[in-house]
Protein backbone atom coordinates (compact mmCIF):
# COMPACT_ATOMS: atom_id res chain seq x y z
CA MET A 1 48.25 -7.34 -64.39
CA SER A 2 46.27 -8.97 -66.50
CA ALA A 3 44.14 -11.88 -64.48
CA GLU A 4 46.34 -14.44 -66.70
CA GLU A 5 49.15 -13.85 -65.17
CA LEU A 6 47.48 -13.56 -61.55
CA ALA A 7 46.29 -17.09 -62.10
CA LEU A 8 49.71 -17.49 -62.92
CA ALA A 9 50.48 -15.69 -59.84
CA LEU A 10 47.51 -18.00 -57.68
CA VAL A 11 49.05 -21.63 -59.19
CA ALA A 12 52.71 -21.06 -58.36
CA ALA A 13 51.43 -19.17 -54.30
CA ILE A 14 49.91 -22.71 -54.05
CA THR A 15 52.57 -25.09 -55.23
CA ALA A 16 55.12 -23.19 -52.81
CA GLU A 17 53.10 -23.99 -50.45
CA LEU A 18 52.25 -27.67 -50.86
CA ALA A 19 56.36 -27.26 -51.16
CA ALA A 20 56.32 -25.67 -47.54
CA LEU A 21 54.21 -28.76 -46.27
CA ALA A 22 55.78 -31.99 -47.51
CA ALA A 23 59.13 -30.03 -45.75
CA GLU A 24 57.39 -29.35 -42.67
CA ASP A 25 58.20 -25.84 -42.10
CA ALA A 26 56.47 -23.62 -39.99
CA ASP A 27 57.05 -20.22 -41.49
CA ALA A 28 57.27 -21.44 -45.70
CA ILE A 29 54.06 -22.58 -44.57
CA THR A 30 52.53 -19.32 -43.34
CA ARG A 31 54.54 -17.47 -45.93
CA ALA A 32 53.56 -19.36 -48.92
CA THR A 33 49.65 -18.78 -47.27
CA ALA A 34 49.71 -15.08 -47.24
CA GLU A 35 50.88 -15.22 -50.69
CA LYS A 36 48.20 -17.25 -52.15
CA THR A 37 45.58 -15.27 -50.47
CA ALA A 38 47.34 -11.86 -52.08
CA ALA A 39 47.09 -13.93 -54.94
CA LEU A 40 43.33 -14.71 -54.54
CA ALA A 41 42.41 -11.19 -53.70
CA ALA A 42 43.86 -9.96 -56.31
CA LEU A 43 42.94 -12.79 -58.62
CA GLN A 44 39.09 -11.46 -57.95
CA ALA A 45 39.96 -7.79 -57.94
CA ALA A 46 40.35 -8.20 -61.80
CA VAL A 47 37.61 -10.66 -61.92
CA ALA A 48 35.35 -8.10 -60.62
CA ASP A 49 37.17 -5.16 -62.32
CA GLY A 50 35.55 -7.48 -65.57
CA ALA A 51 38.79 -8.79 -66.57
CA ARG A 52 38.04 -12.61 -68.20
CA PRO A 53 39.01 -15.45 -65.19
CA PRO A 54 40.89 -17.59 -67.15
CA ARG A 55 39.22 -21.16 -66.38
CA ASP A 56 41.68 -23.28 -67.01
CA LEU A 57 44.30 -21.98 -64.50
CA LEU A 58 41.80 -21.76 -62.00
CA GLU A 59 41.34 -25.04 -62.23
CA GLN A 60 44.78 -25.98 -61.59
CA ALA A 61 44.62 -23.51 -58.55
CA ARG A 62 41.20 -24.83 -57.53
CA ASP A 63 43.17 -28.75 -57.84
CA LEU A 64 46.08 -27.84 -55.56
CA ASN A 65 44.96 -25.75 -53.93
CA GLY A 66 41.97 -29.34 -52.39
CA GLU A 67 45.93 -31.35 -52.39
CA ALA A 68 46.68 -28.72 -50.14
CA VAL A 69 44.46 -28.87 -48.27
CA LEU A 70 43.94 -32.74 -47.98
CA ARG A 71 47.59 -32.20 -47.05
CA SER A 72 47.48 -29.67 -43.96
CA ARG A 73 45.05 -32.26 -42.63
CA ALA A 74 46.54 -34.99 -42.98
CA LYS A 75 50.18 -33.57 -40.56
CA LEU A 76 47.29 -32.81 -37.99
CA LEU A 77 46.53 -35.09 -37.40
CA THR A 78 50.23 -36.95 -37.48
CA VAL A 79 50.88 -34.01 -34.95
CA GLU A 80 47.48 -34.63 -32.84
CA ARG A 81 49.10 -38.39 -32.33
CA ARG A 82 52.24 -37.96 -31.42
CA LEU A 83 51.38 -35.65 -28.57
CA ALA A 84 48.84 -37.81 -27.42
CA ALA A 85 51.81 -40.28 -27.14
CA LEU A 86 53.32 -37.38 -25.48
CA ARG A 87 50.41 -37.43 -22.75
CA PRO A 88 51.23 -39.09 -19.49
CA THR A 89 48.33 -41.58 -18.89
CA PRO A 90 45.92 -41.12 -16.71
CA MET A 91 46.75 -42.16 -12.73
CA PRO A 92 44.14 -45.04 -11.09
CA ALA A 93 41.99 -43.75 -8.05
CA ARG A 94 43.93 -44.68 -4.71
CA GLU A 95 41.56 -46.41 -2.77
CA ALA A 96 41.34 -44.19 1.10
CA LEU A 97 43.65 -45.93 3.28
CA VAL A 98 41.63 -47.57 5.87
CA TYR A 99 43.18 -49.04 9.57
CA GLY A 100 40.89 -52.31 10.78
CA ARG A 101 37.49 -53.52 9.26
CA ASN A 102 35.97 -49.92 10.56
CA GLY A 103 38.39 -47.73 9.92
CA ARG A 104 39.63 -46.92 13.10
CA TRP A 105 43.75 -47.88 14.10
CA ALA A 106 43.19 -52.00 15.56
């Protein structure tokens, strides 16, 4: 594959990741992230072998990936808030039970 085809595959993988984030589908997010990582590794190998990197597609991939990062962080904050709402409230410490002034039975 050419560097341009690999860059297109990277853009497609990041777009799929954004769609999976929007759908809140954990399996699709995992698949799309794996595809993105594989596409990026293949593109890096092609560029290391001397292929000319397609700047416009790489810039598009960078922008899409930035959006994916922001969306995933927003989802993480939402989940953390939901989990915090489900946590039980801490019980206040109870005072020791004392009988009478000196702590003995009256």
